[in-house]
Amino acid sequence: MKVIDFVKEKVNAHRADYDPSNPRDYIDCFLAEMEKLKDDTAAGFDVENLCVCTLDLFIAGTETTSVQGSPLHD
């Protein structure tokens, strides 16, 4: 739960100072798609999905890093 709360905090911080003409990262690009598709609820571009996708990327990167450093990874 702490990790999800962390991701939500980051998403909220991005929303507070979001500039569509200057995307900084994945979250900003997702926010741009949310704005473009705000009338299409089936598209899946909402805050909940943004948090889940961001968390998935974080976990995937963490797993890759831990496997790369493992002595079993040859």
PDB file of N, CA and C in Angstrom:
ATOM      1  N   MET A   1       0.819  -1.196   0.000  1.00  0.00           N
ATOM      2  CA  MET A   1       0.000   0.000   0.000  1.00  0.00           C
ATOM      3  C   MET A   1       0.868   1.268   0.000  1.00  0.00           C
ATOM      4  N   LYS A   2       2.030   1.196   0.637  1.00  0.00           N
ATOM      5  CA  LYS A   2       2.891   2.376   0.681  1.00  0.00           C
ATOM      6  C   LYS A   2       3.377   2.754  -0.716  1.00  0.00           C
ATOM      7  N   VAL A   3       3.651   1.754  -1.536  1.00  0.00           N
ATOM      8  CA  VAL A   3       4.134   2.029  -2.890  1.00  0.00           C
ATOM      9  C   VAL A   3       3.018   2.660  -3.725  1.00  0.00           C
ATOM     10  N   ILE A   4       1.800   2.148  -3.613  1.00  0.00           N
ATOM     11  CA  ILE A   4       0.669   2.720  -4.352  1.00  0.00           C
ATOM     12  C   ILE A   4       0.427   4.148  -3.898  1.00  0.00           C
ATOM     13  N   ASP A   5       0.524   4.403  -2.591  1.00  0.00           N
ATOM     14  CA  ASP A   5       0.360   5.767  -2.076  1.00  0.00           C
ATOM     15  C   ASP A   5       1.443   6.689  -2.630  1.00  0.00           C
ATOM     16  N   PHE A   6       2.659   6.179  -2.726  1.00  0.00           N
ATOM     17  CA  PHE A   6       3.762   6.951  -3.301  1.00  0.00           C
ATOM     18  C   PHE A   6       3.463   7.319  -4.756  1.00  0.00           C
ATOM     19  N   VAL A   7       2.989   6.343  -5.537  1.00  0.00           N
ATOM     20  CA  VAL A   7       2.659   6.584  -6.947  1.00  0.00           C
ATOM     21  C   VAL A   7       1.535   7.606  -7.049  1.00  0.00           C
ATOM     22  N   LYS A   8       0.517   7.483  -6.209  1.00  0.00           N
ATOM     23  CA  LYS A   8      -0.599   8.448  -6.223  1.00  0.00           C
ATOM     24  C   LYS A   8      -0.107   9.861  -5.918  1.00  0.00           C
ATOM     25  N   GLU A   9       0.815   9.980  -4.962  1.00  0.00           N
ATOM     26  CA  GLU A   9       1.388  11.293  -4.637  1.00  0.00           C
ATOM     27  C   GLU A   9       2.101  11.880  -5.851  1.00  0.00           C
ATOM     28  N   LYS A  10       2.878  11.052  -6.548  1.00  0.00           N
ATOM     29  CA  LYS A  10       3.605  11.524  -7.728  1.00  0.00           C
ATOM     30  C   LYS A  10       2.628  11.945  -8.834  1.00  0.00           C
ATOM     31  N   VAL A  11       1.579  11.165  -9.045  1.00  0.00           N
ATOM     32  CA  VAL A  11       0.577  11.502 -10.059  1.00  0.00           C
ATOM     33  C   VAL A  11      -0.090  12.831  -9.700  1.00  0.00           C
ATOM     34  N   ASN A  12      -0.463  12.994  -8.440  1.00  0.00           N
ATOM     35  CA  ASN A  12      -1.105  14.251  -8.012  1.00  0.00           C
ATOM     36  C   ASN A  12      -0.161  15.442  -8.169  1.00  0.00           C
ATOM     37  N   ALA A  13       1.114  15.245  -7.872  1.00  0.00           N
ATOM     38  CA  ALA A  13       2.088  16.328  -8.050  1.00  0.00           C
ATOM     39  C   ALA A  13       2.209  16.692  -9.526  1.00  0.00           C
ATOM     40  N   HIS A  14       2.214  15.690 -10.398  1.00  0.00           N
ATOM     41  CA  HIS A  14       2.286  15.947 -11.838  1.00  0.00           C
ATOM     42  C   HIS A  14       1.041  16.693 -12.318  1.00  0.00           C
ATOM     43  N   ARG A  15      -0.109  16.307 -11.800  1.00  0.00           N
ATOM     44  CA  ARG A  15      -1.355  16.966 -12.215  1.00  0.00           C
ATOM     45  C   ARG A  15      -1.363  18.434 -11.787  1.00  0.00           C
ATOM     46  N   ALA A  16      -0.741  18.730 -10.649  1.00  0.00           N
ATOM     47  CA  ALA A  16      -0.739  20.098 -10.128  1.00  0.00           C
ATOM     48  C   ALA A  16       0.055  21.055 -11.011  1.00  0.00           C
ATOM     49  N   ASP A  17       1.143  20.580 -11.606  1.00  0.00           N
ATOM     50  CA  ASP A  17       1.969  21.471 -12.430  1.00  0.00           C
ATOM     51  C   ASP A  17       2.122  20.959 -13.867  1.00  0.00           C
ATOM     52  N   TYR A  18       1.128  20.242 -14.325  1.00  0.00           N
ATOM     53  CA  TYR A  18       1.132  19.656 -15.665  1.00  0.00           C
ATOM     54  C   TYR A  18       1.100  20.742 -16.737  1.00  0.00           C
ATOM     55  N   ASP A  19       2.001  20.621 -17.697  1.00  0.00           N
ATOM     56  CA  ASP A  19       2.048  21.520 -18.851  1.00  0.00           C
ATOM     57  C   ASP A  19       2.005  20.659 -20.104  1.00  0.00           C
ATOM     58  N   PRO A  20       0.856  20.617 -20.799  1.00  0.00           N
ATOM     59  CA  PRO A  20       0.727  19.733 -21.957  1.00  0.00           C
ATOM     60  C   PRO A  20       1.720  20.021 -23.080  1.00  0.00           C
ATOM     61  N   SER A  21       2.260  21.220 -23.120  1.00  0.00           N
ATOM     62  CA  SER A  21       3.220  21.558 -24.176  1.00  0.00           C
ATOM     63  C   SER A  21       4.646  21.130 -23.822  1.00  0.00           C
ATOM     64  N   ASN A  22       4.832  20.616 -22.593  1.00  0.00           N
ATOM     65  CA  ASN A  22       6.169  20.233 -22.156  1.00  0.00           C
ATOM     66  C   ASN A  22       6.118  18.953 -21.323  1.00  0.00           C
ATOM     67  N   PRO A  23       5.818  17.803 -21.972  1.00  0.00           N
ATOM     68  CA  PRO A  23       5.761  16.554 -21.205  1.00  0.00           C
ATOM     69  C   PRO A  23       7.144  16.162 -20.688  1.00  0.00           C
ATOM     70  N   ARG A  24       7.193  15.817 -19.418  1.00  0.00           N
ATOM     71  CA  ARG A  24       8.463  15.490 -18.777  1.00  0.00           C
ATOM     72  C   ARG A  24       8.759  14.011 -18.733  1.00  0.00           C
ATOM     73  N   ASP A  25       7.693  13.202 -18.693  1.00  0.00           N
ATOM     74  CA  ASP A  25       7.904  11.772 -18.486  1.00  0.00           C
ATOM     75  C   ASP A  25       6.643  10.995 -18.814  1.00  0.00           C
ATOM     76  N   TYR A  26       6.662   9.729 -18.461  1.00  0.00           N
ATOM     77  CA  TYR A  26       5.539   8.813 -18.729  1.00  0.00           C
ATOM     78  C   TYR A  26       4.229   9.346 -18.145  1.00  0.00           C
ATOM     79  N   ILE A  27       4.277   9.832 -16.918  1.00  0.00           N
ATOM     80  CA  ILE A  27       3.057  10.312 -16.272  1.00  0.00           C
ATOM     81  C   ILE A  27       2.467  11.477 -17.052  1.00  0.00           C
ATOM     82  N   ASP A  28       3.287  12.423 -17.475  1.00  0.00           N
ATOM     83  CA  ASP A  28       2.781  13.556 -18.261  1.00  0.00           C
ATOM     84  C   ASP A  28       2.174  13.095 -19.586  1.00  0.00           C
ATOM     85  N   CYS A  29       2.808  12.136 -20.232  1.00  0.00           N
ATOM     86  CA  CYS A  29       2.270  11.624 -21.504  1.00  0.00           C
ATOM     87  C   CYS A  29       0.935  10.926 -21.283  1.00  0.00           C
ATOM     88  N   PHE A  30       0.816  10.194 -20.199  1.00  0.00           N
ATOM     89  CA  PHE A  30      -0.444   9.532 -19.874  1.00  0.00           C
ATOM     90  C   PHE A  30      -1.509  10.583 -19.581  1.00  0.00           C
ATOM     91  N   LEU A  31      -1.154  11.633 -18.858  1.00  0.00           N
ATOM     92  CA  LEU A  31      -2.104  12.717 -18.573  1.00  0.00           C
ATOM     93  C   LEU A  31      -2.589  13.367 -19.865  1.00  0.00           C
ATOM     94  N   ALA A  32      -1.706  13.508 -20.839  1.00  0.00           N
ATOM     95  CA  ALA A  32      -2.092  14.079 -22.136  1.00  0.00           C
ATOM     96  C   ALA A  32      -3.129  13.192 -22.815  1.00  0.00           C
ATOM     97  N   GLU A  33      -2.916  11.878 -22.781  1.00  0.00           N
ATOM     98  CA  GLU A  33      -3.875  10.949 -23.369  1.00  0.00           C
ATOM     99  C   GLU A  33      -5.197  10.980 -22.607  1.00  0.00           C
ATOM    100  N   MET A  34      -5.122  11.123 -21.297  1.00  0.00           N
ATOM    101  CA  MET A  34      -6.343  11.240 -20.503  1.00  0.00           C
ATOM    102  C   MET A  34      -7.165  12.439 -20.961  1.00  0.00           C
ATOM    103  N   GLU A  35      -6.485  13.538 -21.195  1.00  0.00           N
ATOM    104  CA  GLU A  35      -7.179  14.756 -21.643  1.00  0.00           C
ATOM    105  C   GLU A  35      -7.784  14.554 -23.021  1.00  0.00           C
ATOM    106  N   LYS A  36      -7.017  13.946 -23.927  1.00  0.00           N
ATOM    107  CA  LYS A  36      -7.501  13.717 -25.292  1.00  0.00           C
ATOM    108  C   LYS A  36      -8.723  12.810 -25.312  1.00  0.00           C
ATOM    109  N   LEU A  37      -8.710  11.813 -24.445  1.00  0.00           N
ATOM    110  CA  LEU A  37      -9.750  10.783 -24.472  1.00  0.00           C
ATOM    111  C   LEU A  37     -10.706  10.873 -23.279  1.00  0.00           C
ATOM    112  N   LYS A  38     -10.843  12.065 -22.705  1.00  0.00           N
ATOM    113  CA  LYS A  38     -11.655  12.214 -21.494  1.00  0.00           C
ATOM    114  C   LYS A  38     -13.115  11.814 -21.689  1.00  0.00           C
ATOM    115  N   ASP A  39     -13.622  11.874 -22.917  1.00  0.00           N
ATOM    116  CA  ASP A  39     -15.012  11.501 -23.174  1.00  0.00           C
ATOM    117  C   ASP A  39     -15.179  10.024 -23.505  1.00  0.00           C
ATOM    118  N   ASP A  40     -14.066   9.301 -23.642  1.00  0.00           N
ATOM    119  CA  ASP A  40     -14.095   7.881 -23.983  1.00  0.00           C
ATOM    120  C   ASP A  40     -13.718   7.067 -22.740  1.00  0.00           C
ATOM    121  N   THR A  41     -14.717   6.756 -21.926  1.00  0.00           N
ATOM    122  CA  THR A  41     -14.437   6.055 -20.667  1.00  0.00           C
ATOM    123  C   THR A  41     -13.924   4.636 -20.883  1.00  0.00           C
ATOM    124  N   ALA A  42     -14.181   4.064 -22.045  1.00  0.00           N
ATOM    125  CA  ALA A  42     -13.729   2.698 -22.331  1.00  0.00           C
ATOM    126  C   ALA A  42     -12.254   2.649 -22.728  1.00  0.00           C
ATOM    127  N   ALA A  43     -11.644   3.799 -22.990  1.00  0.00           N
ATOM    128  CA  ALA A  43     -10.255   3.836 -23.450  1.00  0.00           C
ATOM    129  C   ALA A  43      -9.274   3.406 -22.364  1.00  0.00           C
ATOM    130  N   GLY A  44      -9.641   3.549 -21.103  1.00  0.00           N
ATOM    131  CA  GLY A  44      -8.765   3.125 -20.016  1.00  0.00           C
ATOM    132  C   GLY A  44      -7.776   4.175 -19.557  1.00  0.00           C
ATOM    133  N   PHE A  45      -7.912   5.389 -20.058  1.00  0.00           N
ATOM    134  CA  PHE A  45      -7.000   6.453 -19.629  1.00  0.00           C
ATOM    135  C   PHE A  45      -7.647   7.229 -18.489  1.00  0.00           C
ATOM    136  N   ASP A  46      -7.428   6.698 -17.272  1.00  0.00           N
ATOM    137  CA  ASP A  46      -7.945   7.345 -16.072  1.00  0.00           C
ATOM    138  C   ASP A  46      -6.866   7.285 -14.994  1.00  0.00           C
ATOM    139  N   VAL A  47      -7.091   7.985 -13.900  1.00  0.00           N
ATOM    140  CA  VAL A  47      -6.078   8.091 -12.849  1.00  0.00           C
ATOM    141  C   VAL A  47      -5.757   6.722 -12.241  1.00  0.00           C
ATOM    142  N   GLU A  48      -6.769   5.913 -12.034  1.00  0.00           N
ATOM    143  CA  GLU A  48      -6.526   4.591 -11.444  1.00  0.00           C
ATOM    144  C   GLU A  48      -5.617   3.756 -12.343  1.00  0.00           C
ATOM    145  N   ASN A  49      -5.896   3.750 -13.636  1.00  0.00           N
ATOM    146  CA  ASN A  49      -5.068   2.986 -14.571  1.00  0.00           C
ATOM    147  C   ASN A  49      -3.667   3.583 -14.670  1.00  0.00           C
ATOM    148  N   LEU A  50      -3.566   4.880 -14.603  1.00  0.00           N
ATOM    149  CA  LEU A  50      -2.249   5.533 -14.609  1.00  0.00           C
ATOM    150  C   LEU A  50      -1.420   5.058 -13.423  1.00  0.00           C
ATOM    151  N   CYS A  51      -2.018   5.006 -12.249  1.00  0.00           N
ATOM    152  CA  CYS A  51      -1.297   4.552 -11.056  1.00  0.00           C
ATOM    153  C   CYS A  51      -0.857   3.093 -11.200  1.00  0.00           C
ATOM    154  N   VAL A  52      -1.753   2.245 -11.697  1.00  0.00           N
ATOM    155  CA  VAL A  52      -1.437   0.824 -11.856  1.00  0.00           C
ATOM    156  C   VAL A  52      -0.329   0.628 -12.890  1.00  0.00           C
ATOM    157  N   CYS A  53      -0.429   1.314 -14.023  1.00  0.00           N
ATOM    158  CA  CYS A  53       0.587   1.173 -15.074  1.00  0.00           C
ATOM    159  C   CYS A  53       1.949   1.693 -14.609  1.00  0.00           C
ATOM    160  N   THR A  54       1.950   2.801 -13.898  1.00  0.00           N
ATOM    161  CA  THR A  54       3.192   3.365 -13.370  1.00  0.00           C
ATOM    162  C   THR A  54       3.821   2.395 -12.377  1.00  0.00           C
ATOM    163  N   LEU A  55       3.001   1.810 -11.524  1.00  0.00           N
ATOM    164  CA  LEU A  55       3.496   0.831 -10.561  1.00  0.00           C
ATOM    165  C   LEU A  55       4.054  -0.397 -11.277  1.00  0.00           C
ATOM    166  N   ASP A  56       3.372  -0.844 -12.321  1.00  0.00           N
ATOM    167  CA  ASP A  56       3.868  -1.986 -13.104  1.00  0.00           C
ATOM    168  C   ASP A  56       5.252  -1.699 -13.679  1.00  0.00           C
ATOM    169  N   LEU A  57       5.436  -0.500 -14.230  1.00  0.00           N
ATOM    170  CA  LEU A  57       6.741  -0.131 -14.777  1.00  0.00           C
ATOM    171  C   LEU A  57       7.811  -0.100 -13.688  1.00  0.00           C
ATOM    172  N   PHE A  58       7.449   0.446 -12.553  1.00  0.00           N
ATOM    173  CA  PHE A  58       8.378   0.517 -11.424  1.00  0.00           C
ATOM    174  C   PHE A  58       8.794  -0.886 -10.985  1.00  0.00           C
ATOM    175  N   ILE A  59       7.823  -1.772 -10.842  1.00  0.00           N
ATOM    176  CA  ILE A  59       8.118  -3.140 -10.401  1.00  0.00           C
ATOM    177  C   ILE A  59       8.946  -3.880 -11.448  1.00  0.00           C
ATOM    178  N   ALA A  60       8.608  -3.707 -12.721  1.00  0.00           N
ATOM    179  CA  ALA A  60       9.367  -4.366 -13.789  1.00  0.00           C
ATOM    180  C   ALA A  60      10.819  -3.901 -13.784  1.00  0.00           C
ATOM    181  N   GLY A  61      11.039  -2.616 -13.604  1.00  0.00           N
ATOM    182  CA  GLY A  61      12.400  -2.089 -13.549  1.00  0.00           C
ATOM    183  C   GLY A  61      13.158  -2.587 -12.342  1.00  0.00           C
ATOM    184  N   THR A  62      12.475  -2.684 -11.228  1.00  0.00           N
ATOM    185  CA  THR A  62      13.100  -3.186 -10.004  1.00  0.00           C
ATOM    186  C   THR A  62      13.482  -4.651 -10.157  1.00  0.00           C
ATOM    187  N   GLU A  63      12.575  -5.434 -10.739  1.00  0.00           N
ATOM    188  CA  GLU A  63      12.859  -6.860 -10.941  1.00  0.00           C
ATOM    189  C   GLU A  63      14.024  -7.049 -11.901  1.00  0.00           C
ATOM    190  N   THR A  64      14.058  -6.292 -12.977  1.00  0.00           N
ATOM    191  CA  THR A  64      15.151  -6.389 -13.952  1.00  0.00           C
ATOM    192  C   THR A  64      16.482  -6.067 -13.293  1.00  0.00           C
ATOM    193  N   THR A  65      16.507  -5.031 -12.484  1.00  0.00           N
ATOM    194  CA  THR A  65      17.735  -4.635 -11.809  1.00  0.00           C
ATOM    195  C   THR A  65      18.190  -5.705 -10.828  1.00  0.00           C
ATOM    196  N   SER A  66      17.250  -6.288 -10.087  1.00  0.00           N
ATOM    197  CA  SER A  66      17.646  -7.294  -9.106  1.00  0.00           C
ATOM    198  C   SER A  66      18.102  -8.586  -9.784  1.00  0.00           C
ATOM    199  N   VAL A  67      17.523  -8.929 -10.921  1.00  0.00           N
ATOM    200  CA  VAL A  67      17.929 -10.139 -11.657  1.00  0.00           C
ATOM    201  C   VAL A  67      19.287  -9.929 -12.310  1.00  0.00           C
ATOM    202  N   GLN A  68      19.534  -8.736 -12.847  1.00  0.00           N
ATOM    203  CA  GLN A  68      20.814  -8.441 -13.497  1.00  0.00           C
ATOM    204  C   GLN A  68      21.980  -8.592 -12.518  1.00  0.00           C
ATOM    205  N   GLY A  69      21.765  -8.229 -11.258  1.00  0.00           N
ATOM    206  CA  GLY A  69      22.833  -8.294 -10.285  1.00  0.00           C
ATOM    207  C   GLY A  69      22.959  -9.646  -9.602  1.00  0.00           C
ATOM    208  N   SER A  70      22.076 -10.563  -9.950  1.00  0.00           N
ATOM    209  CA  SER A  70      22.060 -11.877  -9.302  1.00  0.00           C
ATOM    210  C   SER A  70      23.181 -12.758  -9.848  1.00  0.00           C
ATOM    211  N   PRO A  71      23.852 -13.526  -8.980  1.00  0.00           N
ATOM    212  CA  PRO A  71      24.890 -14.444  -9.458  1.00  0.00           C
ATOM    213  C   PRO A  71      24.296 -15.583 -10.301  1.00  0.00           C
ATOM    214  N   LEU A  72      22.981 -15.774 -10.211  1.00  0.00           N
ATOM    215  CA  LEU A  72      22.322 -16.822 -10.994  1.00  0.00           C
ATOM    216  C   LEU A  72      22.014 -16.365 -12.410  1.00  0.00           C
ATOM    217  N   HIS A  73      22.182 -15.095 -12.696  1.00  0.00           N
ATOM    218  CA  HIS A  73      21.867 -14.546 -14.021  1.00  0.00           C
ATOM    219  C   HIS A  73      23.124 -14.562 -14.901  1.00  0.00           C
ATOM    220  N   ASP A  74      23.264 -15.581 -15.699  1.00  0.00           N
ATOM    221  CA  ASP A  74      24.429 -15.686 -16.607  1.00  0.00           C
ATOM    222  C   ASP A  74      23.963 -15.957 -18.009  1.00  0.00           C
TER     223      ASP A  74
END
